[in-house]
Amino acid sequence: MDGVFNLPEATRSDFLRSLMHTFGCTYICLWHCHSSSKCSNLLFLDGIYNNVNSTIAEETLFNLYQRLTFDAANDEWVPGAAFKRHMAYLELQQLDLLRLASAVIQTQFYLEARIETAIFMGCSKGEIELGFSTIPQIDMKAAVKSLFPEDFSREQIHHPASSSSCSCPSDEFSSLRGVLLPAPEGEQEAIIRAILHVVISSSSSPATTTSQPPPYNNSAFRAYSSTAYNLVTSSSSRRFSLMKRSIEFSRTLHLMRIRDRFHFQRQHQPPHPLIIGTQNANNNNHLHRIISERRRRENENKCFRELRALLPPGTKKHKSSVLIAAKEALKSLIAEIEKLNIRNQQLKTLLGSSSSSYVNVHISSSPSSSNERLNVAVSHVAGSSSSEERMVDLQVAVRGESSSHHHQSDIMIRILEFLKSLQNLSFVSMAANTTTNTQGTTITQIIFRIRILQGSEWDESGFVEAVRRVVSNLA
């Protein structure tokens, strides 16, 4: 393990990544022993955290955990116990890990990262810490021993195995060495009463074995008695079982008190400022997202309400129904626009042909040689002499030196009002022109194209006389 601390930084980082990938651990920390004239401390040298599914709080607590300093001379806390005791492998579960943690940040990190098992490997340079969020499915001690066999052989030299049996606890209670368990008076009295009850009940059972006095022997050695050996062995085993149960009971009680005290401190002690800042930033971002989403929904509902107001009455309020009705309305509007465009093109074509015919008529029809002041005539349009629909041109010519533009407009307005009052006619188009002959007489010529409605009676002479009266009254 000492070689890991002596590796270059890049090589050491690659080794830690491969170690994390091999064992599937959550984090790895290298604690280097920094010795000074006064004391020796364990400082963070290098480490890596598996941030695949980690949160911001976990990474913040891991960064704070790296800044901690641990006393290397104290073997009651971790990290430090494996380094001080020269232990190449020390595995702790969650309860033991929380009990032996020496800093609040360390405990908060273990809980936030949900560390279930931690392994500490001590060497002369410092200590290597491996943390697991799940219990490993492989034999971690054998795997670590295959990686660092020399450190395990050195551990056997520091801790030789004893060949004789002793009444001390087994290795599973080695983590309790040097730890002073708090025992209030009430709990201590309860433990003493339980021990006395077991001892009294075990000693009150009658002895079923029969013992005979040993024969008289002048030898200085006492004769061997198998019964006495069995009694000593059974009493020793009872004492060992009683002590084992007492220690287990005390250990469980102590862990329960530590857990309750930690929960109490966590509820009443304010968290670290960095954690508070991170939580406040997360809360602000979450609140901003909630407000933005609420505004988006309000704008969306407002747009749907405005769209529904444009649709025909009776449209359902459901968004899908509004969208379907809007789609159908758009389709009908597009079809109507296409129809109107086609009709507009037809009217433009008809208007162009009508204007050209008016011009031709105006050019071809020279002013009448008569000296009548008012001349009204009706001519049939070529191609419209069928019985179903007839088109006629009403030609009105007014002579006079006082004829002007305003006089021409009054005549057109009076004739249009007259045509509007008739029920069997419909106005199509109109053309007007004003000329002056060689004698200086002004001639105003107006041509109205009129459609005679189907099935209506048409009196051409009466119509001409009526128009003449309308224009003569104005003239």
Protein backbone atom coordinates (compact mmCIF):
# COMPACT_ATOMS: atom_id res chain seq x y z
CA MET A 1 0.00 0.00 0.00
CA ASP A 2 2.92 2.36 0.60
CA GLY A 3 3.66 2.26 -3.12
CA VAL A 4 0.25 3.83 -3.88
CA PHE A 5 1.23 6.96 -1.95
CA ASN A 6 4.57 7.18 -3.82
CA LEU A 7 3.02 6.99 -7.31
CA PRO A 8 2.91 10.09 -9.55
CA GLU A 9 -0.36 11.98 -9.52
CA ALA A 10 -1.54 10.88 -12.99
CA THR A 11 -0.59 7.24 -12.41
CA ARG A 12 -2.21 7.30 -8.97
CA SER A 13 -5.46 8.71 -10.44
CA ASP A 14 -5.55 5.92 -13.04
CA PHE A 15 -4.96 3.34 -10.31
CA LEU A 16 -7.81 4.73 -8.19
CA ARG A 17 -10.20 4.69 -11.17
CA SER A 18 -9.32 1.07 -11.95
CA LEU A 19 -9.75 0.20 -8.26
CA MET A 20 -13.20 1.85 -8.21
CA HIS A 21 -14.21 0.05 -11.41
CA THR A 22 -13.01 -3.31 -10.05
CA PHE A 23 -14.66 -3.14 -6.62
CA GLY A 24 -17.67 -0.99 -7.57
CA CYS A 25 -17.17 1.37 -4.65
CA THR A 26 -18.78 4.80 -4.29
CA TYR A 27 -15.69 6.78 -3.29
CA ILE A 28 -11.98 6.33 -2.52
CA CYS A 29 -9.89 8.55 -0.22
CA LEU A 30 -6.13 8.47 0.42
CA TRP A 31 -5.22 9.89 3.83
CA HIS A 32 -1.52 10.75 4.10
CA CYS A 33 0.20 10.92 7.51
CA HIS A 34 1.80 14.35 8.00
CA SER A 35 4.08 14.28 11.04
CA SER A 36 5.34 17.43 12.75
CA SER A 37 7.29 18.16 15.93
CA LYS A 38 4.12 18.41 18.01
CA CYS A 39 1.65 15.93 16.50
CA SER A 40 0.88 13.76 13.50
CA ASN A 41 -2.27 14.23 11.41
CA LEU A 42 -3.97 12.46 8.53
CA LEU A 43 -4.51 14.82 5.59
CA PHE A 44 -6.33 14.19 2.31
CA LEU A 45 -3.89 13.34 -0.49
CA ASP A 46 -6.03 12.10 -3.36
CA GLY A 47 -9.46 10.66 -3.99
CA ILE A 48 -12.25 10.07 -6.45
CA TYR A 49 -16.05 10.04 -6.23
CA ASN A 50 -18.42 8.10 -8.47
CA ASN A 51 -20.75 10.90 -9.62
CA VAL A 52 -22.88 8.84 -12.02
CA ASN A 53 -26.05 9.08 -9.91
CA SER A 54 -24.80 11.58 -7.33
CA THR A 55 -26.49 14.81 -6.27
CA ILE A 56 -25.04 18.27 -5.70
CA ALA A 57 -25.34 17.85 -1.93
CA GLU A 58 -23.31 14.60 -2.02
CA GLU A 59 -20.50 16.18 -4.06
CA THR A 60 -20.46 19.26 -1.79
CA LEU A 61 -20.22 17.13 1.35
CA PHE A 62 -17.46 15.01 -0.24
CA ASN A 63 -15.46 18.17 -0.98
CA LEU A 64 -15.93 19.30 2.64
CA TYR A 65 -14.94 15.83 3.87
CA GLN A 66 -11.65 16.10 1.94
CA ARG A 67 -10.76 19.28 3.85
CA LEU A 68 -10.97 17.62 7.27
CA THR A 69 -7.91 16.78 9.36
CA PHE A 70 -7.80 13.67 11.60
CA ASP A 71 -5.55 12.91 14.54
CA ALA A 72 -3.30 9.98 13.64
CA ALA A 73 -2.49 9.26 17.28
CA ASN A 74 -6.11 8.53 18.17
CA ASP A 75 -7.19 4.98 17.36
CA GLU A 76 -10.81 5.42 18.49
CA TRP A 77 -12.00 7.15 15.33
CA VAL A 78 -11.96 6.57 11.59
CA PRO A 79 -9.99 7.36 9.59
CA GLY A 80 -7.01 6.73 11.87
CA ALA A 81 -7.81 3.48 13.66
CA ALA A 82 -6.39 1.20 10.95
CA PHE A 83 -3.24 3.37 10.64
CA LYS A 84 -2.60 3.50 14.38
CA ARG A 85 -3.23 -0.24 14.94
CA HIS A 86 -1.28 -1.31 11.82
CA MET A 87 -4.38 -3.05 10.44
CA ALA A 88 -4.27 -3.88 6.76
CA TYR A 89 -8.04 -4.44 6.64
CA LEU A 90 -10.80 -2.93 8.79
CA GLU A 91 -14.41 -3.26 7.61
CA LEU A 92 -17.22 -1.30 9.29
CA GLN A 93 -20.94 -1.35 8.69
CA GLN A 94 -23.15 1.74 8.74
CA LEU A 95 -23.89 1.82 12.49
CA ASP A 96 -20.25 1.31 13.45
CA LEU A 97 -19.21 3.86 10.85
CA LEU A 98 -21.54 6.50 12.27
CA ARG A 99 -20.46 5.68 15.82
CA LEU A 100 -16.75 6.03 15.07
CA ALA A 101 -17.09 9.19 12.94
CA SER A 102 -15.31 12.14 14.58
CA ALA A 103 -16.82 15.09 12.63
CA VAL A 104 -20.33 16.26 11.83
CA ILE A 105 -19.45 16.81 8.15
CA GLN A 106 -18.16 13.23 8.00
CA THR A 107 -21.41 11.86 9.44
CA GLN A 108 -23.53 14.01 7.12
CA PHE A 109 -21.56 12.76 4.12
CA TYR A 110 -22.01 9.10 5.14
CA LEU A 111 -25.77 9.60 5.49
CA GLU A 112 -26.26 11.73 2.36
CA ALA A 113 -24.23 9.32 0.19
CA ARG A 114 -26.05 6.32 1.83
CA ILE A 115 -22.78 4.56 2.67
CA GLU A 116 -23.54 1.04 3.92
CA THR A 117 -20.00 -0.34 4.26
CA ALA A 118 -16.57 1.27 4.54
CA ILE A 119 -13.15 -0.41 4.39
CA PHE A 120 -10.02 1.15 5.91
CA MET A 121 -6.56 -0.16 4.97
CA GLY A 122 -3.67 1.11 7.08
CA CYS A 123 0.02 1.25 6.16
CA SER A 124 3.10 3.18 7.21
CA LYS A 125 2.34 6.08 4.84
CA GLY A 126 -1.26 6.57 5.84
CA GLU A 127 -4.63 4.99 5.24
CA ILE A 128 -6.81 4.08 2.22
CA GLU A 129 -10.59 4.40 2.61
CA LEU A 130 -13.12 2.65 0.35
CA GLY A 131 -16.84 3.46 0.69
CA PHE A 132 -19.75 1.39 -0.68
CA SER A 133 -23.37 2.50 -1.00
CA THR A 134 -24.36 -1.18 -1.24
CA ILE A 135 -23.03 -4.20 0.58
CA PRO A 136 -20.32 -5.87 -1.57
CA GLN A 137 -21.25 -9.28 -2.96
CA ILE A 138 -17.65 -10.53 -3.02
CA ASP A 139 -15.16 -11.33 -0.31
CA MET A 140 -13.50 -7.92 -0.01
CA LYS A 141 -10.85 -9.08 2.43
CA ALA A 142 -9.64 -11.79 0.08
CA ALA A 143 -9.68 -9.35 -2.85
CA VAL A 144 -7.68 -6.74 -0.93
CA LYS A 145 -5.28 -9.42 0.31
CA SER A 146 -4.64 -10.50 -3.29
CA LEU A 147 -3.73 -6.89 -4.14
CA PHE A 148 -1.54 -6.18 -1.12
CA PRO A 149 -0.24 -9.50 0.24
CA GLU A 150 2.83 -7.92 1.87
CA ASP A 151 0.73 -5.67 4.12
CA PHE A 152 -1.26 -8.66 5.40
CA SER A 153 1.94 -10.57 6.20
CA ARG A 154 3.19 -7.47 8.07
CA GLU A 155 -0.08 -7.35 10.00
CA GLN A 156 0.47 -10.95 11.21
CA ILE A 157 3.88 -9.93 12.52
CA HIS A 158 2.39 -7.01 14.47
CA HIS A 159 -0.53 -9.17 15.76
CA PRO A 160 0.70 -12.79 16.29
CA ALA A 161 -1.98 -15.40 16.85
CA SER A 162 -2.20 -16.84 20.41
CA SER A 163 -2.16 -20.60 20.74
CA SER A 164 -3.71 -20.73 24.21
CA SER A 165 -7.37 -20.13 24.85
CA CYS A 166 -8.29 -16.99 26.76
CA SER A 167 -11.46 -15.49 28.14
CA CYS A 168 -11.18 -12.23 26.14
CA PRO A 169 -13.70 -11.44 23.37
CA SER A 170 -13.18 -12.66 19.81
CA ASP A 171 -12.14 -10.57 16.78
CA GLU A 172 -15.67 -9.45 16.11
CA PHE A 173 -15.39 -7.22 19.22
CA SER A 174 -11.89 -5.93 18.44
CA SER A 175 -13.38 -2.61 17.31
CA LEU A 176 -14.49 -2.00 20.93
CA ARG A 177 -10.94 -1.94 22.28
CA GLY A 178 -10.05 1.40 23.69
CA VAL A 179 -13.62 2.71 23.40
CA LEU A 180 -15.26 3.79 26.63
CA LEU A 181 -18.93 2.94 26.42
CA PRO A 182 -21.14 5.40 28.27
CA ALA A 183 -23.21 3.58 30.87
CA PRO A 184 -25.67 5.60 32.97
CA GLU A 185 -26.60 4.34 36.40
CA GLY A 186 -29.95 2.93 35.40
CA GLU A 187 -28.57 0.89 32.52
CA GLN A 188 -25.61 -0.36 34.56
CA GLU A 189 -27.90 -1.57 37.32
CA ALA A 190 -30.09 -3.36 34.76
CA ILE A 191 -27.02 -5.12 33.29
CA ILE A 192 -25.81 -6.18 36.77
CA ARG A 193 -29.25 -7.56 37.66
CA ALA A 194 -29.36 -9.55 34.39
CA ILE A 195 -25.89 -11.00 35.04
CA LEU A 196 -26.75 -11.99 38.63
CA HIS A 197 -29.99 -13.59 37.49
CA VAL A 198 -28.14 -15.76 34.93
CA VAL A 199 -25.44 -16.73 37.45
CA ILE A 200 -27.92 -17.60 40.20
CA SER A 201 -30.14 -19.62 37.86
CA SER A 202 -27.16 -21.54 36.51
CA SER A 203 -25.73 -22.28 39.95
CA SER A 204 -29.07 -23.39 41.45
CA SER A 205 -29.34 -26.43 39.16
CA PRO A 206 -28.53 -29.64 41.11
CA ALA A 207 -25.39 -31.50 40.20
CA THR A 208 -26.18 -34.88 38.77
CA THR A 209 -22.67 -36.19 38.70
CA THR A 210 -21.46 -38.39 41.51
CA SER A 211 -17.98 -37.86 42.76
CA GLN A 212 -15.96 -40.36 44.85
CA PRO A 213 -13.17 -39.25 47.12
CA PRO A 214 -9.81 -39.85 45.56
CA PRO A 215 -7.83 -42.73 47.00
CA TYR A 216 -5.18 -41.94 49.54
CA ASN A 217 -1.85 -41.30 47.90
CA ASN A 218 1.39 -40.39 49.58
CA SER A 219 2.58 -38.65 46.40
CA ALA A 220 3.01 -34.87 46.33
CA PHE A 221 0.95 -34.70 43.10
CA ARG A 222 -2.79 -34.49 43.25
CA ALA A 223 -4.72 -37.13 41.36
CA TYR A 224 -6.40 -36.11 38.11
CA SER A 225 -10.18 -35.70 38.30
CA SER A 226 -12.15 -35.48 35.01
CA THR A 227 -15.25 -34.27 36.88
CA ALA A 228 -13.44 -31.27 38.30
CA TYR A 229 -12.11 -30.42 34.84
CA ASN A 230 -15.59 -30.62 33.38
CA LEU A 231 -16.94 -28.33 36.09
CA VAL A 232 -14.21 -25.76 35.46
CA THR A 233 -14.73 -25.94 31.72
CA SER A 234 -18.52 -25.57 31.95
CA SER A 235 -18.26 -22.63 34.35
CA SER A 236 -15.71 -20.92 32.07
CA SER A 237 -17.96 -21.41 29.03
CA ARG A 238 -20.92 -20.00 30.96
CA ARG A 239 -18.88 -16.99 32.00
CA PHE A 240 -17.72 -16.44 28.41
CA SER A 241 -21.28 -16.75 27.03
CA LEU A 242 -22.58 -14.34 29.69
CA MET A 243 -19.85 -11.80 28.98
CA LYS A 244 -20.42 -12.11 25.25
CA ARG A 245 -24.13 -11.45 25.63
CA SER A 246 -23.45 -8.54 27.99
CA ILE A 247 -21.04 -6.92 25.56
CA GLU A 248 -23.43 -7.42 22.67
CA PHE A 249 -26.25 -5.88 24.67
CA SER A 250 -24.08 -2.92 25.68
CA ARG A 251 -22.91 -2.42 22.13
CA THR A 252 -26.46 -2.42 20.73
CA LEU A 253 -27.63 -0.03 23.43
CA HIS A 254 -24.71 2.30 22.77
CA LEU A 255 -25.35 2.34 19.00
CA MET A 256 -29.01 3.17 19.61
CA ARG A 257 -28.01 6.14 21.79
CA ILE A 258 -25.54 7.35 19.17
CA ARG A 259 -28.17 7.15 16.44
CA ASP A 260 -30.73 9.03 18.54
CA ARG A 261 -28.18 11.69 19.46
CA PHE A 262 -27.17 12.12 15.84
CA HIS A 263 -30.78 12.54 14.67
CA PHE A 264 -31.33 15.09 17.44
CA GLN A 265 -28.22 17.05 16.40
CA ARG A 266 -29.21 16.91 12.76
CA GLN A 267 -32.64 18.34 13.54
CA HIS A 268 -31.41 21.16 15.81
CA GLN A 269 -27.97 21.96 14.40
CA PRO A 270 -27.87 24.28 11.35
CA PRO A 271 -26.21 22.76 8.27
CA HIS A 272 -22.98 23.95 6.74
CA PRO A 273 -23.14 27.36 4.91
CA LEU A 274 -22.06 25.77 1.61
CA ILE A 275 -24.85 23.23 1.87
CA ILE A 276 -27.32 26.01 2.69
CA GLY A 277 -26.18 27.98 -0.36
CA THR A 278 -26.50 24.94 -2.60
CA GLN A 279 -29.97 24.12 -1.27
CA ASN A 280 -31.09 27.75 -1.65
CA ALA A 281 -29.82 27.81 -5.25
CA ASN A 282 -31.69 24.58 -6.00
CA ASN A 283 -34.85 25.92 -4.38
CA ASN A 284 -34.60 29.19 -6.35
CA ASN A 285 -34.13 27.33 -9.63
CA HIS A 286 -37.05 25.05 -8.85
CA LEU A 287 -39.26 28.03 -7.93
CA HIS A 288 -38.26 29.83 -11.14
CA ARG A 289 -39.18 26.78 -13.20
CA ILE A 290 -42.55 26.53 -11.46
CA ILE A 291 -43.34 30.22 -12.11
CA SER A 292 -42.27 29.98 -15.77
CA GLU A 293 -44.38 26.87 -16.30
CA ARG A 294 -47.38 28.56 -14.69
CA ARG A 295 -47.04 31.62 -16.94
CA ARG A 296 -46.74 29.42 -20.00
CA ARG A 297 -49.94 27.58 -19.09
CA GLU A 298 -51.80 30.86 -18.47
CA ASN A 299 -50.73 32.27 -21.86
CA GLU A 300 -51.71 29.03 -23.56
CA ASN A 301 -55.17 29.05 -21.95
CA LYS A 302 -55.64 32.73 -22.90
CA CYS A 303 -54.79 32.01 -26.54
CA PHE A 304 -57.22 29.10 -26.59
CA ARG A 305 -59.98 31.31 -25.17
CA GLU A 306 -59.34 33.99 -27.83
CA LEU A 307 -59.33 31.37 -30.57
CA ARG A 308 -62.60 29.89 -29.31
CA ALA A 309 -64.20 33.38 -29.40
CA LEU A 310 -63.49 33.57 -33.15
CA LEU A 311 -65.12 30.21 -33.85
CA PRO A 312 -68.86 29.63 -34.35
CA PRO A 313 -70.98 29.59 -31.18
CA GLY A 314 -71.42 26.24 -29.52
CA THR A 315 -67.79 25.11 -29.83
CA LYS A 316 -66.70 23.02 -26.85
CA LYS A 317 -64.14 24.40 -24.38
CA HIS A 318 -61.84 21.41 -24.65
CA LYS A 319 -58.54 22.25 -26.32
CA SER A 320 -58.73 19.42 -28.81
CA SER A 321 -62.27 20.47 -29.81
CA VAL A 322 -61.12 24.09 -30.27
CA LEU A 323 -58.23 22.99 -32.48
CA ILE A 324 -60.45 20.75 -34.60
CA ALA A 325 -63.05 23.51 -35.06
CA ALA A 326 -60.31 26.02 -35.94
CA LYS A 327 -58.92 23.62 -38.52
CA GLU A 328 -62.33 23.17 -40.17
CA ALA A 329 -62.93 26.93 -40.17
CA LEU A 330 -59.57 27.56 -41.82
CA LYS A 331 -60.30 24.96 -44.48
CA SER A 332 -63.67 26.58 -45.29
CA LEU A 333 -62.12 30.07 -45.38
CA ILE A 334 -59.37 28.90 -47.73
CA ALA A 335 -61.95 27.33 -50.05
CA GLU A 336 -64.03 30.54 -49.97
CA ILE A 337 -60.95 32.61 -50.79
CA GLU A 338 -60.23 30.41 -53.76
CA LYS A 339 -63.80 30.79 -55.01
CA LEU A 340 -63.64 34.57 -54.62
CA ASN A 341 -60.32 34.71 -56.45
CA ILE A 342 -61.80 32.75 -59.35
CA ARG A 343 -64.86 35.04 -59.39
CA ASN A 344 -62.61 38.10 -59.23
CA GLN A 345 -60.63 36.90 -62.23
CA GLN A 346 -63.84 36.31 -64.16
CA LEU A 347 -65.10 39.80 -63.34
CA LYS A 348 -61.79 41.35 -64.35
CA THR A 349 -61.95 39.54 -67.67
CA LEU A 350 -65.55 40.64 -68.22
CA LEU A 351 -64.74 44.23 -67.21
CA GLY A 352 -61.83 44.34 -69.63
CA SER A 353 -63.98 43.13 -72.51
CA SER A 354 -66.78 45.55 -71.54
CA SER A 355 -64.39 48.52 -71.37
CA SER A 356 -62.97 47.67 -74.77
CA SER A 357 -66.46 47.41 -76.23
CA TYR A 358 -67.38 50.76 -74.66
CA VAL A 359 -64.36 52.37 -76.18
CA ASN A 360 -65.17 50.86 -79.53
CA VAL A 361 -68.74 52.05 -79.26
CA HIS A 362 -67.62 55.52 -78.25
CA ILE A 363 -65.13 55.74 -81.02
CA SER A 364 -67.40 54.33 -83.69
CA SER A 365 -70.41 56.30 -82.69
CA SER A 366 -69.88 59.77 -83.86
CA PRO A 367 -71.99 62.54 -82.44
CA SER A 368 -75.41 62.77 -83.94
CA SER A 369 -75.87 65.36 -86.61
CA SER A 370 -79.16 66.40 -85.11
CA ASN A 371 -79.29 69.48 -83.00
CA GLU A 372 -81.28 67.80 -80.18
CA ARG A 373 -80.02 68.75 -76.78
CA LEU A 374 -80.80 65.28 -75.25
CA ASN A 375 -80.50 61.97 -77.05
CA VAL A 376 -81.34 58.61 -75.38
CA ALA A 377 -80.92 55.27 -77.18
CA VAL A 378 -80.80 51.54 -76.33
CA SER A 379 -78.67 49.01 -78.24
CA HIS A 380 -78.46 45.27 -77.74
CA VAL A 381 -75.07 43.70 -76.89
CA ALA A 382 -73.88 41.12 -79.35
CA GLY A 383 -73.95 37.51 -78.06
CA SER A 384 -76.56 38.16 -75.38
CA SER A 385 -79.77 37.97 -77.37
CA SER A 386 -80.81 34.62 -75.91
CA SER A 387 -84.14 34.29 -74.19
CA GLU A 388 -82.56 33.44 -70.86
CA GLU A 389 -80.37 36.50 -70.40
CA ARG A 390 -80.16 39.78 -72.34
CA MET A 391 -77.61 42.57 -72.10
CA VAL A 392 -78.36 46.11 -73.43
CA ASP A 393 -76.41 49.37 -73.54
CA LEU A 394 -78.17 52.59 -72.54
CA GLN A 395 -76.57 55.52 -74.38
CA VAL A 396 -77.29 59.05 -73.13
CA ALA A 397 -75.91 62.09 -74.98
CA VAL A 398 -76.35 65.66 -73.69
CA ARG A 399 -75.45 68.73 -75.80
CA GLY A 400 -74.88 72.20 -74.55
CA GLU A 401 -72.24 74.82 -73.93
CA SER A 402 -72.94 74.76 -70.20
CA SER A 403 -72.16 71.06 -69.83
CA SER A 404 -69.39 70.49 -67.24
CA HIS A 405 -67.91 67.78 -65.16
CA HIS A 406 -70.28 68.40 -62.25
CA HIS A 407 -73.22 68.33 -64.65
CA GLN A 408 -72.01 64.96 -66.03
CA SER A 409 -71.75 63.50 -62.49
CA ASP A 410 -75.25 64.65 -61.60
CA ILE A 411 -76.65 62.96 -64.71
CA MET A 412 -74.87 59.64 -63.90
CA ILE A 413 -76.07 59.70 -60.27
CA ARG A 414 -79.68 60.46 -61.30
CA ILE A 415 -79.69 57.62 -63.86
CA LEU A 416 -78.13 55.14 -61.38
CA GLU A 417 -80.78 56.01 -58.78
CA PHE A 418 -83.44 55.42 -61.40
CA LEU A 419 -81.95 52.03 -62.40
CA LYS A 420 -81.78 51.01 -58.76
CA SER A 421 -85.48 51.61 -58.34
CA LEU A 422 -86.32 49.17 -61.18
CA GLN A 423 -86.83 45.53 -60.18
CA ASN A 424 -86.30 43.82 -63.55
CA LEU A 425 -82.85 45.26 -64.28
CA SER A 426 -79.37 44.95 -62.80
CA PHE A 427 -76.50 47.35 -63.39
CA VAL A 428 -73.29 45.81 -64.83
CA SER A 429 -70.88 48.62 -65.79
CA MET A 430 -70.63 52.22 -66.98
CA ALA A 431 -68.44 54.44 -69.23
CA ALA A 432 -68.51 58.21 -69.83
CA ASN A 433 -66.80 60.66 -72.14
CA THR A 434 -67.00 64.38 -72.91
CA THR A 435 -66.04 65.85 -76.31
CA THR A 436 -66.28 69.21 -78.09
CA ASN A 437 -67.19 69.48 -81.80
CA THR A 438 -65.97 72.00 -84.37
CA GLN A 439 -68.74 74.46 -83.54
CA GLY A 440 -67.57 74.56 -79.87
CA THR A 441 -70.51 72.55 -78.55
CA THR A 442 -69.79 70.23 -75.63
CA ILE A 443 -71.22 66.70 -75.95
CA THR A 444 -71.40 64.46 -72.84
CA GLN A 445 -71.89 60.79 -73.73
CA ILE A 446 -72.63 58.18 -71.02
CA ILE A 447 -73.05 54.44 -71.69
CA PHE A 448 -74.65 52.08 -69.11
CA ARG A 449 -74.50 48.30 -69.58
CA ILE A 450 -77.64 46.72 -68.13
CA ARG A 451 -78.65 43.10 -67.63
CA ILE A 452 -82.31 42.28 -68.05
CA LEU A 453 -83.30 39.71 -65.44
CA GLN A 454 -84.61 36.36 -66.60
CA GLY A 455 -88.41 36.09 -66.80
CA SER A 456 -89.05 39.80 -66.43
CA GLU A 457 -91.03 41.96 -68.85
CA TRP A 458 -89.07 44.44 -70.94
CA ASP A 459 -90.63 47.53 -72.53
CA GLU A 460 -87.81 49.19 -74.43
CA SER A 461 -89.75 52.30 -75.58
CA GLY A 462 -91.19 52.93 -72.12
CA PHE A 463 -87.71 52.52 -70.58
CA VAL A 464 -86.19 55.04 -73.04
CA GLU A 465 -88.96 57.56 -72.35
CA ALA A 466 -88.53 57.19 -68.60
CA VAL A 467 -84.77 57.81 -68.85
CA ARG A 468 -85.38 60.82 -71.09
CA ARG A 469 -87.70 62.33 -68.50
CA VAL A 470 -85.18 61.80 -65.69
CA VAL A 471 -82.35 63.45 -67.64
CA SER A 472 -84.54 66.26 -69.08
CA ASN A 473 -85.73 67.24 -65.59
CA LEU A 474 -82.11 67.60 -64.49
CA ALA A 475 -81.08 69.43 -67.67
